[in-house]
Amino acid sequence: MIACLSIFTGIAGMAYFIAVSQRATTWMYLLKPGTMFIIMGIVGVSLDTQQSYDWLILLGLIFSVIGDIFLMLPNDRFIHGLIAFFCAHVIYVVAFPVDDMLSWKSLIVAIVLVSLFIIYLLLLRPGIVAEGSIKLLIPVALYMVIISLMVYQGILSGQPLLIAGALSFYLSDAILAWNRFVKPLRWGTYGVMTSYYFAQYCIALSVGAN
């Protein structure tokens, strides 16, 4: 069943990209969250009702779909989407298991992520302030903190699926932020959504692997 859902996820994702290229708005509205619903189905067929991890991942996916819907609405609902994804990452942080938080590996990962956070925020800052002043800079910075923490947890989990999922999510949001606040990228939407779907797919698969 997971294999079938995986194939459907790929087909739906490709159909979404075709809709984007053709600017078929109705199909974009259907396929963007629709692909996520299929990914949620992967969790559904593997879900163990006794495992809190399974329920947390499902809840994180639900908040992600809410964020997707806000971000694709015609009126700019960026802050609403940011809040929904912030909640999703908080849930993932709680869910992801951590092997050892007191090790050289954890220290190195923390230093790298803090450095990336500072550098990227400085690069984004002019565009963020130009769009929404300091009032937008604060929530964006807070979001960057929580996704960095999610990546930290994912890497320290030691689980390949969570590592791949966390890093792909990080890449997706990095592209999205650059596309919005620095310079629009011709391939921006494709880069954001390819890495995003892959991230959520890996996280969903981790339910069956745990």
N, C-alpha and C. Protein backbone atom coordinates (compact mmCIF):
# COMPACT_ATOMS: atom_id res chain seq x y z
N MET A 1 0.83 -1.21 0.00
CA MET A 1 0.00 0.00 0.00
C MET A 1 0.87 1.27 0.00
N ILE A 2 1.96 1.24 0.79
CA ILE A 2 2.85 2.40 0.85
C ILE A 2 3.49 2.63 -0.52
N ALA A 3 3.83 1.55 -1.22
CA ALA A 3 4.43 1.67 -2.55
C ALA A 3 3.45 2.36 -3.51
N CYS A 4 2.19 1.98 -3.45
CA CYS A 4 1.17 2.61 -4.31
C CYS A 4 1.01 4.09 -3.98
N LEU A 5 0.95 4.39 -2.69
CA LEU A 5 0.80 5.79 -2.27
C LEU A 5 2.03 6.61 -2.66
N SER A 6 3.19 5.96 -2.63
CA SER A 6 4.42 6.65 -3.04
C SER A 6 4.36 7.01 -4.52
N ILE A 7 3.87 6.07 -5.33
CA ILE A 7 3.72 6.34 -6.77
C ILE A 7 2.72 7.46 -7.00
N PHE A 8 1.60 7.41 -6.28
CA PHE A 8 0.58 8.46 -6.42
C PHE A 8 1.13 9.81 -5.99
N THR A 9 1.99 9.81 -4.95
CA THR A 9 2.61 11.06 -4.50
C THR A 9 3.44 11.67 -5.62
N GLY A 10 4.25 10.82 -6.27
CA GLY A 10 5.08 11.29 -7.39
C GLY A 10 4.25 11.80 -8.55
N ILE A 11 3.18 11.09 -8.87
CA ILE A 11 2.31 11.50 -9.99
C ILE A 11 1.63 12.84 -9.67
N ALA A 12 1.11 12.96 -8.44
CA ALA A 12 0.43 14.19 -8.05
C ALA A 12 1.40 15.37 -8.03
N GLY A 13 2.62 15.12 -7.55
CA GLY A 13 3.62 16.18 -7.53
C GLY A 13 3.99 16.65 -8.92
N MET A 14 4.17 15.71 -9.84
CA MET A 14 4.48 16.06 -11.23
C MET A 14 3.31 16.80 -11.87
N ALA A 15 2.09 16.36 -11.57
CA ALA A 15 0.90 17.03 -12.12
C ALA A 15 0.83 18.47 -11.61
N TYR A 16 1.23 18.67 -10.34
CA TYR A 16 1.24 20.03 -9.78
C TYR A 16 2.22 20.91 -10.54
N PHE A 17 3.40 20.38 -10.84
CA PHE A 17 4.39 21.16 -11.57
C PHE A 17 3.90 21.50 -12.99
N ILE A 18 3.19 20.57 -13.61
CA ILE A 18 2.61 20.84 -14.93
C ILE A 18 1.58 21.97 -14.82
N ALA A 19 0.76 21.90 -13.76
CA ALA A 19 -0.25 22.94 -13.53
C ALA A 19 0.42 24.30 -13.33
N VAL A 20 1.53 24.32 -12.61
CA VAL A 20 2.27 25.57 -12.39
C VAL A 20 2.79 26.11 -13.72
N SER A 21 3.37 25.23 -14.53
CA SER A 21 3.92 25.67 -15.80
C SER A 21 2.85 26.18 -16.75
N GLN A 22 1.63 25.63 -16.64
CA GLN A 22 0.52 26.04 -17.49
C GLN A 22 -0.32 27.14 -16.84
N ARG A 23 0.05 27.50 -15.61
CA ARG A 23 -0.69 28.49 -14.84
C ARG A 23 -2.17 28.12 -14.71
N ALA A 24 -2.39 26.83 -14.50
CA ALA A 24 -3.76 26.31 -14.33
C ALA A 24 -4.13 26.44 -12.85
N THR A 25 -4.67 27.58 -12.48
CA THR A 25 -4.88 27.92 -11.08
C THR A 25 -5.73 26.90 -10.33
N THR A 26 -6.83 26.49 -10.94
CA THR A 26 -7.71 25.53 -10.27
C THR A 26 -6.99 24.24 -9.94
N TRP A 27 -6.23 23.73 -10.90
CA TRP A 27 -5.48 22.49 -10.67
C TRP A 27 -4.38 22.70 -9.65
N MET A 28 -3.78 23.86 -9.62
CA MET A 28 -2.76 24.16 -8.61
C MET A 28 -3.38 24.12 -7.21
N TYR A 29 -4.57 24.72 -7.08
CA TYR A 29 -5.25 24.72 -5.79
C TYR A 29 -5.61 23.31 -5.33
N LEU A 30 -5.91 22.45 -6.30
CA LEU A 30 -6.28 21.08 -5.95
C LEU A 30 -5.06 20.20 -5.67
N LEU A 31 -4.04 20.36 -6.48
CA LEU A 31 -2.90 19.43 -6.43
C LEU A 31 -1.88 19.76 -5.34
N LYS A 32 -1.74 21.04 -4.99
CA LYS A 32 -0.74 21.38 -3.97
C LYS A 32 -1.08 20.72 -2.63
N PRO A 33 -2.29 20.95 -2.08
CA PRO A 33 -2.64 20.24 -0.85
C PRO A 33 -2.98 18.77 -1.12
N GLY A 34 -3.47 18.47 -2.33
CA GLY A 34 -3.83 17.09 -2.66
C GLY A 34 -2.65 16.15 -2.54
N THR A 35 -1.48 16.59 -2.98
CA THR A 35 -0.28 15.77 -2.87
C THR A 35 0.04 15.51 -1.40
N MET A 36 -0.16 16.52 -0.58
CA MET A 36 0.08 16.35 0.86
C MET A 36 -0.92 15.38 1.49
N PHE A 37 -2.14 15.38 1.01
CA PHE A 37 -3.13 14.44 1.55
C PHE A 37 -2.71 12.99 1.25
N ILE A 38 -2.11 12.78 0.09
CA ILE A 38 -1.62 11.44 -0.25
C ILE A 38 -0.48 11.06 0.70
N ILE A 39 0.41 12.02 0.96
CA ILE A 39 1.51 11.78 1.90
C ILE A 39 0.96 11.47 3.29
N MET A 40 -0.09 12.16 3.68
CA MET A 40 -0.74 11.87 4.97
C MET A 40 -1.30 10.45 4.97
N GLY A 41 -1.74 9.99 3.80
CA GLY A 41 -2.24 8.62 3.68
C GLY A 41 -1.16 7.60 4.01
N ILE A 42 0.09 7.92 3.68
CA ILE A 42 1.21 7.03 4.01
C ILE A 42 1.31 6.85 5.52
N VAL A 43 1.11 7.95 6.24
CA VAL A 43 1.10 7.86 7.71
C VAL A 43 -0.10 7.05 8.17
N GLY A 44 -1.23 7.30 7.52
CA GLY A 44 -2.47 6.63 7.92
C GLY A 44 -2.38 5.12 7.85
N VAL A 45 -1.76 4.58 6.80
CA VAL A 45 -1.71 3.12 6.65
C VAL A 45 -0.67 2.49 7.58
N SER A 46 0.25 3.31 8.11
CA SER A 46 1.29 2.79 9.01
C SER A 46 1.04 3.14 10.47
N LEU A 47 0.02 3.96 10.71
CA LEU A 47 -0.19 4.54 12.03
C LEU A 47 -0.51 3.48 13.08
N ASP A 48 0.24 3.54 14.17
CA ASP A 48 -0.01 2.72 15.35
C ASP A 48 -0.68 3.61 16.38
N THR A 49 -1.92 3.34 16.68
CA THR A 49 -2.69 4.22 17.56
C THR A 49 -2.10 4.32 18.97
N GLN A 50 -1.19 3.42 19.31
CA GLN A 50 -0.57 3.44 20.64
C GLN A 50 0.71 4.27 20.67
N GLN A 51 1.17 4.71 19.50
CA GLN A 51 2.43 5.44 19.43
C GLN A 51 2.18 6.95 19.29
N SER A 52 2.65 7.72 20.27
CA SER A 52 2.47 9.17 20.22
C SER A 52 3.24 9.77 19.04
N TYR A 53 4.37 9.15 18.68
CA TYR A 53 5.17 9.64 17.55
C TYR A 53 4.33 9.68 16.29
N ASP A 54 3.59 8.62 16.03
CA ASP A 54 2.78 8.53 14.82
C ASP A 54 1.74 9.66 14.76
N TRP A 55 1.08 9.89 15.89
CA TRP A 55 0.06 10.93 15.94
C TRP A 55 0.67 12.32 15.78
N LEU A 56 1.85 12.53 16.36
CA LEU A 56 2.51 13.83 16.25
C LEU A 56 2.91 14.12 14.80
N ILE A 57 3.43 13.11 14.10
CA ILE A 57 3.80 13.32 12.70
C ILE A 57 2.56 13.65 11.87
N LEU A 58 1.48 12.94 12.12
CA LEU A 58 0.23 13.21 11.40
C LEU A 58 -0.24 14.63 11.68
N LEU A 59 -0.16 15.06 12.94
CA LEU A 59 -0.57 16.41 13.30
C LEU A 59 0.32 17.45 12.63
N GLY A 60 1.63 17.16 12.56
CA GLY A 60 2.55 18.07 11.88
C GLY A 60 2.20 18.22 10.41
N LEU A 61 1.82 17.12 9.78
CA LEU A 61 1.42 17.16 8.37
C LEU A 61 0.13 17.96 8.19
N ILE A 62 -0.78 17.84 9.13
CA ILE A 62 -2.04 18.59 9.05
C ILE A 62 -1.78 20.09 9.11
N PHE A 63 -0.92 20.51 10.04
CA PHE A 63 -0.58 21.94 10.12
C PHE A 63 0.15 22.40 8.87
N SER A 64 0.94 21.49 8.27
CA SER A 64 1.64 21.83 7.03
C SER A 64 0.65 22.08 5.90
N VAL A 65 -0.38 21.26 5.81
CA VAL A 65 -1.41 21.45 4.78
C VAL A 65 -2.11 22.79 4.99
N ILE A 66 -2.40 23.12 6.25
CA ILE A 66 -3.02 24.42 6.55
C ILE A 66 -2.11 25.55 6.07
N GLY A 67 -0.80 25.39 6.32
CA GLY A 67 0.16 26.39 5.85
C GLY A 67 0.18 26.48 4.34
N ASP A 68 0.13 25.34 3.67
CA ASP A 68 0.10 25.32 2.21
C ASP A 68 -1.08 26.11 1.68
N ILE A 69 -2.23 25.89 2.27
CA ILE A 69 -3.46 26.55 1.82
C ILE A 69 -3.35 28.06 1.99
N PHE A 70 -2.84 28.50 3.15
CA PHE A 70 -2.68 29.94 3.37
C PHE A 70 -1.73 30.56 2.34
N LEU A 71 -0.62 29.86 2.04
CA LEU A 71 0.39 30.43 1.15
C LEU A 71 -0.05 30.49 -0.31
N MET A 72 -1.05 29.69 -0.69
CA MET A 72 -1.46 29.73 -2.08
C MET A 72 -2.72 30.56 -2.31
N LEU A 73 -3.31 31.12 -1.24
CA LEU A 73 -4.49 31.97 -1.41
C LEU A 73 -4.13 33.23 -2.18
N PRO A 74 -5.06 33.76 -2.96
CA PRO A 74 -4.77 34.94 -3.77
C PRO A 74 -4.35 36.15 -2.96
N ASN A 75 -5.00 36.40 -1.83
CA ASN A 75 -4.58 37.47 -0.94
C ASN A 75 -3.40 36.97 -0.12
N ASP A 76 -2.38 37.80 0.02
CA ASP A 76 -1.15 37.37 0.69
C ASP A 76 -1.42 37.02 2.15
N ARG A 77 -1.33 35.73 2.47
CA ARG A 77 -1.51 35.26 3.85
C ARG A 77 -0.20 34.67 4.36
N PHE A 78 0.91 35.37 4.08
CA PHE A 78 2.23 34.84 4.42
C PHE A 78 2.37 34.59 5.92
N ILE A 79 1.94 35.54 6.73
CA ILE A 79 2.08 35.39 8.19
C ILE A 79 1.24 34.22 8.68
N HIS A 80 0.03 34.05 8.14
CA HIS A 80 -0.82 32.93 8.54
C HIS A 80 -0.13 31.60 8.20
N GLY A 81 0.44 31.54 6.99
CA GLY A 81 1.16 30.34 6.60
C GLY A 81 2.38 30.11 7.47
N LEU A 82 3.08 31.19 7.80
CA LEU A 82 4.26 31.10 8.66
C LEU A 82 3.89 30.52 10.02
N ILE A 83 2.79 30.98 10.58
CA ILE A 83 2.34 30.49 11.89
C ILE A 83 2.00 29.00 11.82
N ALA A 84 1.30 28.60 10.75
CA ALA A 84 0.92 27.19 10.61
C ALA A 84 2.16 26.30 10.51
N PHE A 85 3.13 26.70 9.71
CA PHE A 85 4.34 25.91 9.58
C PHE A 85 5.19 25.98 10.85
N PHE A 86 5.14 27.09 11.55
CA PHE A 86 5.83 27.18 12.85
C PHE A 86 5.28 26.11 13.79
N CYS A 87 3.95 25.98 13.82
CA CYS A 87 3.33 24.95 14.66
C CYS A 87 3.75 23.55 14.22
N ALA A 88 3.82 23.34 12.91
CA ALA A 88 4.24 22.04 12.38
C ALA A 88 5.65 21.70 12.85
N HIS A 89 6.54 22.68 12.81
CA HIS A 89 7.92 22.42 13.22
C HIS A 89 8.04 22.19 14.72
N VAL A 90 7.24 22.91 15.50
CA VAL A 90 7.23 22.66 16.95
C VAL A 90 6.84 21.21 17.22
N ILE A 91 5.84 20.74 16.50
CA ILE A 91 5.37 19.35 16.67
C ILE A 91 6.47 18.37 16.26
N TYR A 92 7.15 18.65 15.14
CA TYR A 92 8.23 17.78 14.70
C TYR A 92 9.38 17.76 15.71
N VAL A 93 9.67 18.91 16.30
CA VAL A 93 10.73 18.98 17.32
C VAL A 93 10.38 18.09 18.50
N VAL A 94 9.13 18.13 18.92
CA VAL A 94 8.68 17.29 20.03
C VAL A 94 8.73 15.82 19.65
N ALA A 95 8.38 15.53 18.39
CA ALA A 95 8.27 14.13 17.95
C ALA A 95 9.62 13.47 17.70
N PHE A 96 10.56 14.20 17.07
CA PHE A 96 11.81 13.57 16.65
C PHE A 96 12.63 13.08 17.84
N PRO A 97 13.01 11.82 17.85
CA PRO A 97 13.85 11.30 18.94
C PRO A 97 15.28 11.79 18.78
N VAL A 98 15.97 11.94 19.89
CA VAL A 98 17.37 12.38 19.86
C VAL A 98 18.23 11.37 20.59
N ASP A 99 19.27 10.90 19.92
CA ASP A 99 20.15 9.90 20.52
C ASP A 99 21.02 10.48 21.62
N ASP A 100 21.73 11.55 21.32
CA ASP A 100 22.69 12.10 22.26
C ASP A 100 22.86 13.58 22.02
N MET A 101 22.35 14.40 22.97
CA MET A 101 22.45 15.84 22.82
C MET A 101 23.74 16.39 23.45
N LEU A 102 24.50 15.53 24.15
CA LEU A 102 25.74 15.97 24.80
C LEU A 102 26.92 15.24 24.17
N SER A 103 27.27 15.65 22.97
CA SER A 103 28.36 15.02 22.26
C SER A 103 29.01 16.04 21.34
N TRP A 104 30.18 15.69 20.79
CA TRP A 104 30.84 16.56 19.84
C TRP A 104 29.99 16.75 18.59
N LYS A 105 29.30 15.68 18.19
CA LYS A 105 28.44 15.77 17.02
C LYS A 105 27.36 16.81 17.21
N SER A 106 26.70 16.79 18.37
CA SER A 106 25.62 17.74 18.64
C SER A 106 26.15 19.17 18.69
N LEU A 107 27.37 19.34 19.23
CA LEU A 107 27.97 20.68 19.31
C LEU A 107 28.29 21.21 17.92
N ILE A 108 28.85 20.36 17.09
CA ILE A 108 29.20 20.77 15.72
C ILE A 108 27.95 21.12 14.93
N VAL A 109 26.92 20.28 15.04
CA VAL A 109 25.66 20.55 14.34
C VAL A 109 25.07 21.88 14.80
N ALA A 110 25.11 22.13 16.11
CA ALA A 110 24.57 23.37 16.66
C ALA A 110 25.33 24.58 16.14
N ILE A 111 26.65 24.50 16.11
CA ILE A 111 27.48 25.62 15.63
C ILE A 111 27.19 25.90 14.16
N VAL A 112 27.10 24.85 13.35
CA VAL A 112 26.82 25.03 11.91
C VAL A 112 25.46 25.68 11.71
N LEU A 113 24.46 25.20 12.42
CA LEU A 113 23.10 25.73 12.23
C LEU A 113 22.97 27.16 12.74
N VAL A 114 23.62 27.48 13.85
CA VAL A 114 23.59 28.85 14.35
C VAL A 114 24.28 29.79 13.36
N SER A 115 25.40 29.33 12.81
CA SER A 115 26.13 30.14 11.83
C SER A 115 25.29 30.39 10.58
N LEU A 116 24.65 29.34 10.08
CA LEU A 116 23.78 29.48 8.91
C LEU A 116 22.61 30.41 9.21
N PHE A 117 22.06 30.30 10.40
CA PHE A 117 20.94 31.16 10.80
C PHE A 117 21.35 32.63 10.75
N ILE A 118 22.49 32.96 11.34
CA ILE A 118 22.95 34.35 11.38
C ILE A 118 23.24 34.87 9.98
N ILE A 119 23.98 34.09 9.19
CA ILE A 119 24.36 34.52 7.84
C ILE A 119 23.12 34.73 6.97
N TYR A 120 22.19 33.76 7.01
CA TYR A 120 21.03 33.83 6.13
C TYR A 120 20.08 34.95 6.55
N LEU A 121 19.93 35.15 7.85
CA LEU A 121 19.06 36.23 8.32
C LEU A 121 19.62 37.59 7.90
N LEU A 122 20.94 37.74 7.94
CA LEU A 122 21.56 39.00 7.50
C LEU A 122 21.33 39.22 6.00
N LEU A 123 21.37 38.15 5.22
CA LEU A 123 21.13 38.26 3.79
C LEU A 123 19.67 38.60 3.49
N LEU A 124 18.76 38.04 4.27
CA LEU A 124 17.34 38.26 4.04
C LEU A 124 16.84 39.58 4.61
N ARG A 125 17.53 40.10 5.62
CA ARG A 125 17.03 41.24 6.39
C ARG A 125 16.61 42.44 5.55
N PRO A 126 17.42 42.89 4.58
CA PRO A 126 16.97 44.07 3.80
C PRO A 126 15.63 43.85 3.09
N GLY A 127 15.46 42.67 2.50
CA GLY A 127 14.22 42.37 1.79
C GLY A 127 13.03 42.24 2.74
N ILE A 128 13.27 41.65 3.90
CA ILE A 128 12.20 41.49 4.88
C ILE A 128 11.74 42.84 5.39
N VAL A 129 12.69 43.69 5.76
CA VAL A 129 12.36 45.02 6.27
C VAL A 129 11.68 45.86 5.20
N ALA A 130 12.15 45.74 3.95
CA ALA A 130 11.53 46.50 2.86
C ALA A 130 10.09 46.10 2.64
N GLU A 131 9.79 44.81 2.87
CA GLU A 131 8.42 44.33 2.64
C GLU A 131 7.50 44.62 3.82
N GLY A 132 8.00 44.45 5.04
CA GLY A 132 7.10 44.58 6.18
C GLY A 132 7.68 45.20 7.41
N SER A 133 8.81 45.86 7.31
CA SER A 133 9.49 46.51 8.43
C SER A 133 9.90 45.49 9.49
N ILE A 134 10.26 46.00 10.66
CA ILE A 134 10.74 45.14 11.74
C ILE A 134 9.65 44.18 12.22
N LYS A 135 8.38 44.55 11.99
CA LYS A 135 7.27 43.70 12.43
C LYS A 135 7.26 42.36 11.70
N LEU A 136 7.81 42.32 10.50
CA LEU A 136 7.90 41.07 9.76
C LEU A 136 9.21 40.34 10.06
N LEU A 137 10.25 41.10 10.38
CA LEU A 137 11.56 40.50 10.67
C LEU A 137 11.50 39.58 11.88
N ILE A 138 10.76 39.99 12.90
CA ILE A 138 10.70 39.20 14.14
C ILE A 138 10.07 37.83 13.91
N PRO A 139 8.85 37.73 13.30
CA PRO A 139 8.28 36.39 13.09
C PRO A 139 9.11 35.53 12.14
N VAL A 140 9.74 36.15 11.14
CA VAL A 140 10.59 35.37 10.22
C VAL A 140 11.79 34.82 10.98
N ALA A 141 12.39 35.64 11.84
CA ALA A 141 13.54 35.19 12.63
C ALA A 141 13.13 34.05 13.57
N LEU A 142 11.96 34.18 14.19
CA LEU A 142 11.48 33.13 15.10
C LEU A 142 11.23 31.83 14.33
N TYR A 143 10.71 31.97 13.12
CA TYR A 143 10.48 30.78 12.30
C TYR A 143 11.80 30.12 11.95
N MET A 144 12.81 30.92 11.63
CA MET A 144 14.12 30.38 11.31
C MET A 144 14.72 29.65 12.50
N VAL A 145 14.44 30.14 13.69
CA VAL A 145 14.93 29.48 14.90
C VAL A 145 14.30 28.09 15.03
N ILE A 146 12.98 28.01 14.85
CA ILE A 146 12.30 26.73 15.07
C ILE A 146 12.64 25.72 13.99
N ILE A 147 12.80 26.16 12.74
CA ILE A 147 13.16 25.18 11.71
C ILE A 147 14.61 24.72 11.89
N SER A 148 15.46 25.61 12.40
CA SER A 148 16.83 25.21 12.70
C SER A 148 16.84 24.17 13.81
N LEU A 149 15.99 24.36 14.80
CA LEU A 149 15.89 23.39 15.89
C LEU A 149 15.34 22.07 15.38
N MET A 150 14.40 22.13 14.44
CA MET A 150 13.86 20.91 13.84
C MET A 150 14.95 20.14 13.10
N VAL A 151 15.78 20.87 12.36
CA VAL A 151 16.89 20.23 11.63
C VAL A 151 17.88 19.62 12.62
N TYR A 152 18.16 20.36 13.69
CA TYR A 152 19.05 19.86 14.74
C TYR A 152 18.54 18.54 15.30
N GLN A 153 17.25 18.50 15.64
CA GLN A 153 16.65 17.27 16.17
C GLN A 153 16.69 16.15 15.13
N GLY A 154 16.39 16.50 13.88
CA GLY A 154 16.37 15.50 12.83
C GLY A 154 17.73 14.86 12.62
N ILE A 155 18.78 15.68 12.60
CA ILE A 155 20.13 15.16 12.40
C ILE A 155 20.55 14.29 13.58
N LEU A 156 20.26 14.75 14.79
CA LEU A 156 20.68 14.01 15.99
C LEU A 156 19.83 12.77 16.23
N SER A 157 18.72 12.63 15.51
CA SER A 157 17.93 11.40 15.65
C SER A 157 18.71 10.20 15.15
N GLY A 158 19.62 10.46 14.21
CA GLY A 158 20.40 9.37 13.64
C GLY A 158 19.64 8.52 12.64
N GLN A 159 18.39 8.92 12.35
CA GLN A 159 17.56 8.16 11.43
C GLN A 159 17.65 8.78 10.02
N PRO A 160 18.09 8.00 9.04
CA PRO A 160 18.28 8.53 7.68
C PRO A 160 17.06 9.26 7.12
N LEU A 161 15.86 8.72 7.36
CA LEU A 161 14.66 9.36 6.82
C LEU A 161 14.42 10.73 7.44
N LEU A 162 14.65 10.84 8.75
CA LEU A 162 14.44 12.13 9.42
C LEU A 162 15.55 13.11 9.06
N ILE A 163 16.76 12.62 8.90
CA ILE A 163 17.85 13.50 8.48
C ILE A 163 17.56 14.07 7.10
N ALA A 164 17.19 13.19 6.16
CA ALA A 164 16.88 13.62 4.79
C ALA A 164 15.68 14.56 4.79
N GLY A 165 14.64 14.23 5.57
CA GLY A 165 13.44 15.05 5.62
C GLY A 165 13.72 16.43 6.19
N ALA A 166 14.47 16.48 7.30
CA ALA A 166 14.76 17.76 7.94
C ALA A 166 15.60 18.66 7.05
N LEU A 167 16.65 18.10 6.44
CA LEU A 167 17.53 18.89 5.58
C LEU A 167 16.80 19.36 4.32
N SER A 168 15.92 18.52 3.77
CA SER A 168 15.15 18.91 2.58
C SER A 168 14.17 20.02 2.91
N PHE A 169 13.56 19.95 4.10
CA PHE A 169 12.64 21.01 4.53
C PHE A 169 13.41 22.33 4.67
N TYR A 170 14.60 22.24 5.24
CA TYR A 170 15.46 23.40 5.43
C TYR A 170 15.78 24.04 4.08
N LEU A 171 16.14 23.20 3.11
CA LEU A 171 16.45 23.68 1.76
C LEU A 171 15.24 24.33 1.12
N SER A 172 14.07 23.71 1.28
CA SER A 172 12.84 24.23 0.70
C SER A 172 12.55 25.64 1.20
N ASP A 173 12.64 25.82 2.52
CA ASP A 173 12.35 27.13 3.10
C ASP A 173 13.43 28.15 2.77
N ALA A 174 14.66 27.68 2.62
CA ALA A 174 15.74 28.60 2.24
C ALA A 174 15.50 29.16 0.83
N ILE A 175 15.08 28.28 -0.08
CA ILE A 175 14.77 28.73 -1.45
C ILE A 175 13.57 29.67 -1.44
N LEU A 176 12.54 29.29 -0.68
CA LEU A 176 11.32 30.12 -0.61
C LEU A 176 11.66 31.52 -0.11
N ALA A 177 12.46 31.59 0.97
CA ALA A 177 12.81 32.89 1.55
C ALA A 177 13.64 33.73 0.57
N TRP A 178 14.60 33.09 -0.10
CA TRP A 178 15.41 33.83 -1.07
C TRP A 178 14.54 34.33 -2.22
N ASN A 179 13.64 33.47 -2.67
CA ASN A 179 12.74 33.81 -3.78
C ASN A 179 11.84 34.99 -3.44
N ARG A 180 11.46 35.09 -2.18
CA ARG A 180 10.52 36.14 -1.76
C ARG A 180 11.23 37.43 -1.34
N PHE A 181 12.31 37.29 -0.59
CA PHE A 181 12.91 38.46 0.04
C PHE A 181 14.20 38.98 -0.62
N VAL A 182 14.84 38.18 -1.45
CA VAL A 182 16.09 38.61 -2.08
C VAL A 182 15.91 38.80 -3.58
N LYS A 183 15.65 37.72 -4.29
CA LYS A 183 15.51 37.79 -5.74
C LYS A 183 14.67 36.63 -6.24
N PRO A 184 13.61 36.90 -7.00
CA PRO A 184 12.80 35.81 -7.55
C PRO A 184 13.64 34.91 -8.44
N LEU A 185 13.50 33.62 -8.23
CA LEU A 185 14.24 32.64 -9.02
C LEU A 185 13.31 32.03 -10.06
N ARG A 186 13.78 31.89 -11.28
CA ARG A 186 12.95 31.35 -12.34
C ARG A 186 12.43 29.95 -12.00
N TRP A 187 13.28 29.18 -11.32
CA TRP A 187 12.94 27.81 -10.95
C TRP A 187 12.50 27.71 -9.50
N GLY A 188 12.24 28.87 -8.87
CA GLY A 188 11.98 28.91 -7.44
C GLY A 188 10.86 28.00 -6.96
N THR A 189 9.71 28.07 -7.62
CA THR A 189 8.56 27.26 -7.20
C THR A 189 8.88 25.78 -7.30
N TYR A 190 9.55 25.38 -8.36
CA TYR A 190 9.89 23.96 -8.54
C TYR A 190 10.89 23.49 -7.48
N GLY A 191 11.86 24.36 -7.17
CA GLY A 191 12.84 24.00 -6.15
C GLY A 191 12.22 23.90 -4.78
N VAL A 192 11.35 24.85 -4.46
CA VAL A 192 10.67 24.85 -3.17
C VAL A 192 9.82 23.60 -3.00
N MET A 193 8.98 23.32 -3.99
CA MET A 193 8.02 22.23 -3.85
C MET A 193 8.64 20.85 -3.99
N THR A 194 9.67 20.71 -4.82
CA THR A 194 10.33 19.42 -4.94
C THR A 194 10.97 19.02 -3.61
N SER A 195 11.72 19.94 -3.02
CA SER A 195 12.37 19.64 -1.74
C SER A 195 11.34 19.53 -0.61
N TYR A 196 10.26 20.30 -0.69
CA TYR A 196 9.21 20.25 0.33
C TYR A 196 8.48 18.91 0.31
N TYR A 197 8.03 18.48 -0.86
CA TYR A 197 7.33 17.20 -0.94
C TYR A 197 8.25 16.05 -0.53
N PHE A 198 9.51 16.11 -0.95
CA PHE A 198 10.45 15.06 -0.56
C PHE A 198 10.64 15.04 0.95
N ALA A 199 10.72 16.22 1.56
CA ALA A 199 10.89 16.31 3.01
C ALA A 199 9.71 15.67 3.74
N GLN A 200 8.51 16.06 3.36
CA GLN A 200 7.32 15.54 4.04
C GLN A 200 7.15 14.05 3.76
N TYR A 201 7.52 13.61 2.58
CA TYR A 201 7.44 12.19 2.23
C TYR A 201 8.37 11.37 3.12
N CYS A 202 9.60 11.83 3.31
CA CYS A 202 10.55 11.13 4.16
C CYS A 202 10.06 11.10 5.61
N ILE A 203 9.54 12.21 6.09
CA ILE A 203 9.04 12.26 7.47
C ILE A 203 7.86 11.32 7.63
N ALA A 204 6.98 11.28 6.63
CA ALA A 204 5.83 10.36 6.69
C ALA A 204 6.30 8.92 6.70
N LEU A 205 7.28 8.58 5.88
CA LEU A 205 7.79 7.21 5.84
C LEU A 205 8.41 6.79 7.16
N SER A 206 8.91 7.74 7.93
CA SER A 206 9.55 7.41 9.21
C SER A 206 8.57 6.78 10.19
N VAL A 207 7.28 7.03 9.97
CA VAL A 207 6.26 6.43 10.86
C VAL A 207 6.29 4.92 10.74
N GLY A 208 6.36 4.41 9.54
CA GLY A 208 6.44 2.97 9.34
C GLY A 208 7.77 2.38 9.75
N ALA A 209 8.80 3.23 9.74
CA ALA A 209 10.15 2.74 10.06
C ALA A 209 10.42 2.67 11.54
N ASN A 210 9.65 3.44 12.32
CA ASN A 210 9.88 3.47 13.78
C ASN A 210 9.26 2.27 14.48
